[in-house]
Structures are given as structure tokens and as C-alpha cells.
């Protein structure tokens, strides 16, 4: 295992299992609880389950009681595109790998099964569902070492794949930079989707001037281009229009989304997104 993967694993494991930054990543939203009854609050009960409406009726502090938690089916989907091979602070691919590690450790800490899927225009690698944390190093190593150049995500093909192999309602975390045509309507209606968008600030605000030889990381085609303020502004506008359309799609289909930049503390930002 290379050094980058080792560092990601150590950092992710510490962040998740230390508990110093809260439990946001281990209390995933979903169908994990079955309501059973309302009873008197007793010392030691989880204050987050206090039923304030029942309490307000003046009969003492009341709390909700739930049946034993049902494990969630959690899918970590690593969306493979050539544009992940970019970053001014660190590569987007490395940030995506750290997100996958955090989510996987968090799922296992919450006593849930986790499975991982690496997808471009087809399924490239699949890790079977498990509650064992031995899967996490394998996921991270794959995320760091898998070749992304020359690849592009086909989101419709991903939806077809999910509908074909994921039989029960799932919590799906999609990790990628979400460029191109994104349509998740086929899976959003029966799953809970989180779109975790990994970006570098330079690609959204290209403050560059001069002659450059540019290589398309998806097709590997190259071209010469002069970048100046006018070109940068036009490019920035295109990105803003793309992202506005993306957000409208997510809102329409109740998909939770958030951006994580290569210069951010990944655990803190991911916690904010999941906390909502």
C-alpha cells in the first residue's frame, strides 16, 4: 500500500473513532428506526429523542421509544472520471479516497453493512457488503491506485446498474466531481442519495494567463489555448451555469449535495454536509 493511502486510513480512522468532532457521520438519516411508544423520560435516555409535543401537554418529560435499529444498506459509489486527476493542494482523487474511507468507517461504526462501487461508464470494481473494517484499506487502495485518466462517468448507466444489483432501499453516497450530464432520477425515488462533489477552486476560478497546452482528462485529446481574463470569465460562467442546473436537479429529486474542495478539512466539511 502506498504512503498516501496509509495516511488517509490513519487520519480517517482517527477522525471517525475518536468521537472528538461529533457523531454526524455515524447517525445517517434513513429508515433505521421503528417507533414503538412514548414513555416517561428517565435519567440516561437520549435527549435527542425527547418528544416535546407530548411534554408540552404538562404530564412530565416524555421520550420516544424505538425498536432495535435496523441496519442500513450503505453504498459508497466512487465515480471515475479523468478530471479527478487534478488538484492544486492535493489531487481530487485523493480527497475522494478520503471521503470513501470516512464513510466506510462510519458505516461500520454504526453497525451497518457497507459496499463500494467504482463506476465510469460501467462497473469497474465492486466490493461486497460487509460489516468488517478490513474492507476499508482495500477500498482506499483501489481509490488511490485506480486509473481515472481517459474515463468519463455515464450517470444513466450507473442508475441502470444500481437498479439491477441493489434490491433494497439504500443510502447511496456518490463521490465525484459531477461534470457532464447528470441524471439520477431513476434511482432517487427509491433511495436516499448524497452527491458529494469534489472540486478544486482553480477549476472554478481559473486565474491563469498565457499560452497553455491543455489535455482533456476524459478523452486525452490535447489542444493549444490562450488563457486570459476574458476566457477565464467565460469558462467560469459555464461552470456556474452547469452547477446551477445540477443543483436544480438535486433539489427536484430531494438529493442531498455539497462541495468539498481540495484545500478543506475533509472530515469537517463532510460532517457539515451530512448534518444538513
Protein backbone atom coordinates (compact mmCIF):
# COMPACT_ATOMS: atom_id res chain seq x y z
CA UNK A 1 0.00 0.00 0.00
CA UNK A 2 1.40 3.41 -0.92
CA UNK A 3 2.09 6.14 1.62
CA UNK A 4 -0.84 8.37 0.59
CA UNK A 5 -3.32 5.53 1.19
CA UNK A 6 -1.75 4.77 4.59
CA UNK A 7 -2.02 8.42 5.67
CA UNK A 8 -5.66 8.62 4.55
CA UNK A 9 -6.54 5.47 6.51
CA UNK A 10 -4.86 6.65 9.70
CA UNK A 11 -6.50 10.08 9.51
CA UNK A 12 -9.95 8.72 8.67
CA UNK A 13 -9.87 6.08 11.40
CA UNK A 14 -8.81 8.67 13.98
CA UNK A 15 -11.48 11.15 12.89
CA UNK A 16 -14.31 8.63 12.98
CA UNK A 17 -13.45 6.59 16.07
CA UNK A 18 -12.09 9.35 18.30
CA UNK A 19 -15.54 10.94 18.51
CA UNK A 20 -13.96 14.34 19.15
CA UNK A 21 -15.87 16.02 16.35
CA UNK A 22 -19.32 14.61 16.97
CA UNK A 23 -21.34 11.70 15.66
CA UNK A 24 -22.71 13.20 12.45
CA UNK A 25 -21.17 10.52 10.25
CA UNK A 26 -22.48 7.65 12.35
CA UNK A 27 -26.10 8.75 12.57
CA UNK A 28 -27.07 8.53 8.93
CA UNK A 29 -30.60 9.52 8.04
CA UNK A 30 -32.81 6.79 6.69
CA UNK A 31 -35.25 4.08 7.75
CA UNK A 32 -33.09 2.89 10.65
CA UNK A 33 -35.63 3.25 13.50
CA UNK A 34 -39.09 1.85 14.15
CA UNK A 35 -41.22 3.94 16.55
CA UNK A 36 -42.78 1.89 19.36
CA UNK A 37 -44.19 4.13 22.11
CA UNK A 38 -43.94 7.30 24.22
CA UNK A 39 -42.96 6.90 27.89
CA UNK A 40 -41.66 8.91 30.85
CA UNK A 41 -38.14 10.24 30.41
CA UNK A 42 -35.60 8.62 32.76
CA UNK A 43 -32.00 9.58 33.50
CA UNK A 44 -29.67 8.30 30.81
CA UNK A 45 -32.19 8.45 27.95
CA UNK A 46 -31.02 10.09 24.73
CA UNK A 47 -32.18 13.73 24.98
CA UNK A 48 -32.44 13.84 21.19
CA UNK A 49 -35.46 11.54 21.43
CA UNK A 50 -37.47 13.71 23.83
CA UNK A 51 -40.99 14.20 22.48
CA UNK A 52 -41.52 17.91 23.08
CA UNK A 53 -45.11 17.88 21.83
CA UNK A 54 -46.12 15.26 24.41
CA UNK A 55 -44.05 17.02 27.06
CA UNK A 56 -45.82 20.33 26.38
CA UNK A 57 -49.13 18.80 27.48
CA UNK A 58 -47.89 19.10 31.06
CA UNK A 59 -47.64 15.46 32.07
CA UNK A 60 -43.88 15.45 32.61
CA UNK A 61 -40.92 14.95 30.32
CA UNK A 62 -41.67 12.35 27.63
CA UNK A 63 -39.37 10.45 25.32
CA UNK A 64 -39.88 8.40 22.17
CA UNK A 65 -39.02 4.72 22.32
CA UNK A 66 -37.93 2.84 19.22
CA UNK A 67 -37.48 -0.77 18.34
CA UNK A 68 -33.95 -2.04 17.78
CA UNK A 69 -32.27 -0.25 14.90
CA UNK A 70 -32.36 -1.99 11.56
CA UNK A 71 -29.06 -1.91 9.74
CA UNK A 72 -28.88 0.38 6.73
CA UNK A 73 -27.71 -0.70 3.30
CA UNK A 74 -24.95 1.82 2.58
CA UNK A 75 -23.34 2.12 -0.85
CA UNK A 76 -20.20 4.19 -1.43
CA UNK A 77 -20.03 4.91 -5.16
CA UNK A 78 -16.70 6.23 -6.45
CA UNK A 79 -17.46 7.95 -9.78
CA UNK A 80 -14.44 7.59 -12.06
CA UNK A 81 -13.59 10.44 -14.44
CA UNK A 82 -10.32 11.78 -15.81
CA UNK A 83 -10.94 15.18 -14.26
CA UNK A 84 -10.31 13.68 -10.80
CA UNK A 85 -6.63 13.69 -11.74
CA UNK A 86 -6.29 17.38 -10.88
CA UNK A 87 -5.64 19.46 -7.80
CA UNK A 88 -3.59 22.43 -6.63
CA UNK A 89 -3.43 21.44 -2.95
CA UNK A 90 -3.89 17.71 -3.43
CA UNK A 91 -5.47 15.63 -6.15
CA UNK A 92 -9.26 15.41 -6.20
CA UNK A 93 -8.80 11.65 -6.43
CA UNK A 94 -7.07 11.68 -3.03
CA UNK A 95 -9.86 13.75 -1.47
CA UNK A 96 -12.44 11.34 -2.91
CA UNK A 97 -10.48 8.42 -1.44
CA UNK A 98 -10.53 10.06 2.00
CA UNK A 99 -14.29 10.62 1.74
CA UNK A 100 -14.73 6.93 0.88
CA UNK A 101 -12.63 5.96 3.92
CA UNK A 102 -14.61 8.20 6.28
CA UNK A 103 -17.95 6.95 5.02
CA UNK A 104 -16.89 3.30 5.18
CA UNK A 105 -15.51 3.51 8.72
CA UNK A 106 -18.57 5.47 9.81
CA UNK A 107 -20.97 2.91 8.37
CA UNK A 108 -19.16 0.09 10.14
CA UNK A 109 -19.01 2.02 13.42
CA UNK A 110 -22.79 2.41 13.15
CA UNK A 111 -23.10 -1.39 12.80
CA UNK A 112 -24.24 -1.09 9.18
CA UNK A 113 -23.15 -3.02 6.13
CA UNK A 114 -21.15 -1.08 3.57
CA UNK A 115 -20.43 -1.89 -0.04
CA UNK A 116 -18.32 0.04 -2.52
CA UNK A 117 -18.73 0.54 -6.24
CA UNK A 118 -16.20 2.04 -8.68
CA UNK A 119 -18.02 3.20 -11.80
CA UNK A 120 -17.19 5.12 -15.01
CA UNK A 121 -19.38 4.19 -17.95
CA UNK A 122 -19.56 0.69 -16.48
CA UNK A 123 -18.84 -1.13 -13.24
CA UNK A 124 -15.06 -1.40 -12.84
CA UNK A 125 -14.74 -2.73 -9.29
CA UNK A 126 -17.28 -3.92 -6.72
CA UNK A 127 -16.79 -4.73 -3.03
CA UNK A 128 -19.43 -6.99 -1.49
CA UNK A 129 -21.45 -5.72 1.53
CA UNK A 130 -19.75 -6.30 4.88
CA UNK A 131 -19.55 -5.07 8.47
CA UNK A 132 -15.82 -5.79 8.71
CA UNK A 133 -13.44 -2.84 8.75
CA UNK A 134 -10.93 -4.93 6.79
CA UNK A 135 -12.73 -3.72 3.67
CA UNK A 136 -11.68 -0.08 4.20
CA UNK A 137 -7.95 -0.42 3.34
CA UNK A 138 -8.92 -2.29 0.18
CA UNK A 139 -11.37 0.44 -0.83
CA UNK A 140 -8.85 3.22 -0.19
CA UNK A 141 -6.04 1.44 -2.00
CA UNK A 142 -8.32 0.94 -5.01
CA UNK A 143 -9.45 4.58 -4.88
CA UNK A 144 -5.86 5.84 -4.91
CA UNK A 145 -4.41 3.45 -7.47
CA UNK A 146 -7.23 3.04 -9.98
CA UNK A 147 -6.56 4.78 -13.30
CA UNK A 148 -9.00 7.62 -13.96
CA UNK A 149 -7.44 9.29 -17.00
CA UNK A 150 -9.37 8.70 -20.19
CA UNK A 151 -12.57 7.85 -18.30
CA UNK A 152 -15.92 9.61 -18.14
CA UNK A 153 -18.97 8.93 -15.96
CA UNK A 154 -22.18 7.76 -17.59
CA UNK A 155 -24.78 8.57 -14.94
CA UNK A 156 -27.67 6.88 -16.74
CA UNK A 157 -25.62 3.68 -16.98
CA UNK A 158 -24.90 3.99 -13.25
CA UNK A 159 -28.61 4.25 -12.49
CA UNK A 160 -29.32 1.17 -14.62
CA UNK A 161 -26.57 -0.70 -12.77
CA UNK A 162 -27.90 0.29 -9.32
CA UNK A 163 -31.44 -0.71 -10.24
CA UNK A 164 -30.11 -4.05 -11.44
CA UNK A 165 -27.99 -5.02 -8.43
CA UNK A 166 -29.28 -3.05 -5.41
CA UNK A 167 -32.55 -4.69 -4.46
CA UNK A 168 -33.47 -2.89 -1.23
CA UNK A 169 -33.77 0.79 -0.43
CA UNK A 170 -30.27 2.10 0.15
CA UNK A 171 -28.30 5.06 1.34
CA UNK A 172 -26.07 5.86 -1.64
CA UNK A 173 -23.09 8.21 -1.32
CA UNK A 174 -21.85 9.24 -4.75
CA UNK A 175 -18.33 10.70 -4.69
CA UNK A 176 -17.01 12.54 -7.75
CA UNK A 177 -16.73 15.93 -9.41
CA UNK A 178 -20.09 15.71 -11.21
CA UNK A 179 -19.28 17.21 -14.57
CA UNK A 180 -21.20 16.31 -17.72
CA UNK A 181 -24.84 15.29 -17.98
CA UNK A 182 -26.04 14.21 -14.54
CA UNK A 183 -29.42 12.49 -14.29
CA UNK A 184 -30.15 10.46 -11.16
CA UNK A 185 -33.93 10.47 -11.40
CA UNK A 186 -34.08 6.69 -11.96
CA UNK A 187 -32.67 5.89 -8.53
CA UNK A 188 -33.58 8.94 -6.42
CA UNK A 189 -37.22 7.97 -5.95
CA UNK A 190 -36.46 4.77 -4.02
CA UNK A 191 -33.08 5.51 -2.43
CA UNK A 192 -31.59 8.24 -0.28
CA UNK A 193 -28.84 9.88 -2.33
CA UNK A 194 -25.94 12.06 -1.22
CA UNK A 195 -23.96 13.75 -4.00
CA UNK A 196 -20.52 14.63 -2.62
CA UNK A 197 -18.93 16.97 -5.15
CA UNK A 198 -15.12 17.11 -5.07
CA UNK A 199 -13.67 20.24 -6.66
CA UNK A 200 -10.52 22.34 -6.80
CA UNK A 201 -11.00 26.10 -6.52
CA UNK A 202 -8.76 26.78 -9.51
CA UNK A 203 -11.03 24.86 -11.88
CA UNK A 204 -13.98 27.02 -10.83
CA UNK A 205 -11.96 30.27 -10.78
CA UNK A 206 -9.16 29.81 -13.36
CA UNK A 207 -6.84 32.74 -12.58
CA UNK A 208 -4.31 31.89 -15.31
CA UNK A 209 -2.74 33.91 -18.12
CA UNK A 210 -0.63 32.78 -21.05
CA UNK A 211 -0.29 30.03 -23.66
CA UNK A 212 -1.12 26.54 -22.46
CA UNK A 213 -1.29 23.08 -23.95
CA UNK A 214 -4.45 21.58 -22.48
CA UNK A 215 -5.22 17.86 -22.27
CA UNK A 216 -8.81 16.69 -21.85
CA UNK A 217 -8.52 14.18 -18.97
CA UNK A 218 -11.61 12.31 -20.14
CA UNK A 219 -10.75 11.84 -23.82
CA UNK A 220 -6.97 12.53 -23.55
CA UNK A 221 -7.24 14.85 -26.56
CA UNK A 222 -4.95 17.92 -26.48
CA UNK A 223 -5.21 21.47 -27.79
CA UNK A 224 -3.38 24.79 -27.56
CA UNK A 225 -5.18 27.65 -25.84
CA UNK A 226 -4.51 31.20 -24.78
CA UNK A 227 -5.92 31.92 -21.34
CA UNK A 228 -6.66 35.48 -20.29
CA UNK A 229 -9.20 37.24 -18.09
CA UNK A 230 -11.88 37.14 -20.80
CA UNK A 231 -11.51 33.41 -21.42
CA UNK A 232 -11.35 32.72 -17.68
CA UNK A 233 -14.54 34.69 -17.08
CA UNK A 234 -16.37 32.87 -19.89
CA UNK A 235 -15.22 29.50 -18.51
CA UNK A 236 -16.28 30.47 -15.01
CA UNK A 237 -19.74 31.35 -16.32
CA UNK A 238 -20.07 27.94 -17.98
CA UNK A 239 -19.17 26.19 -14.71
CA UNK A 240 -21.68 28.32 -12.77
CA UNK A 241 -24.44 27.51 -15.29
CA UNK A 242 -23.60 23.80 -15.11
CA UNK A 243 -23.64 23.80 -11.31
CA UNK A 244 -26.89 25.77 -11.17
CA UNK A 245 -28.55 23.15 -13.38
CA UNK A 246 -27.02 20.44 -11.21
CA UNK A 247 -28.45 21.94 -8.03
CA UNK A 248 -31.90 22.28 -9.59
CA UNK A 249 -31.80 18.58 -10.47
CA UNK A 250 -30.76 17.65 -6.93
CA UNK A 251 -33.49 19.81 -5.38
CA UNK A 252 -36.15 18.38 -7.69
CA UNK A 253 -35.27 14.82 -6.69
CA UNK A 254 -34.51 15.52 -2.99
CA UNK A 255 -30.84 14.63 -3.32
CA UNK A 256 -28.58 15.98 -0.59
CA UNK A 257 -25.45 17.56 -2.04
CA UNK A 258 -22.41 19.55 -1.03
CA UNK A 259 -18.98 20.54 -2.33
CA UNK A 260 -15.70 19.54 -0.75
CA UNK A 261 -12.65 21.42 -2.04
CA UNK A 262 -9.09 20.11 -2.13
CA UNK A 263 -7.95 22.76 0.39
CA UNK A 264 -10.60 21.91 3.01
CA UNK A 265 -10.54 19.70 6.08
CA UNK A 266 -12.41 16.73 4.61
CA UNK A 267 -13.91 15.34 7.83
CA UNK A 268 -15.28 18.68 8.99
CA UNK A 269 -16.80 19.55 5.62
CA UNK A 270 -18.29 16.07 5.17
CA UNK A 271 -19.81 16.31 8.66
CA UNK A 272 -21.44 19.62 7.76
CA UNK A 273 -22.98 18.17 4.60
CA UNK A 274 -24.39 15.09 6.32
CA UNK A 275 -25.57 17.06 9.33
CA UNK A 276 -27.50 19.24 6.87
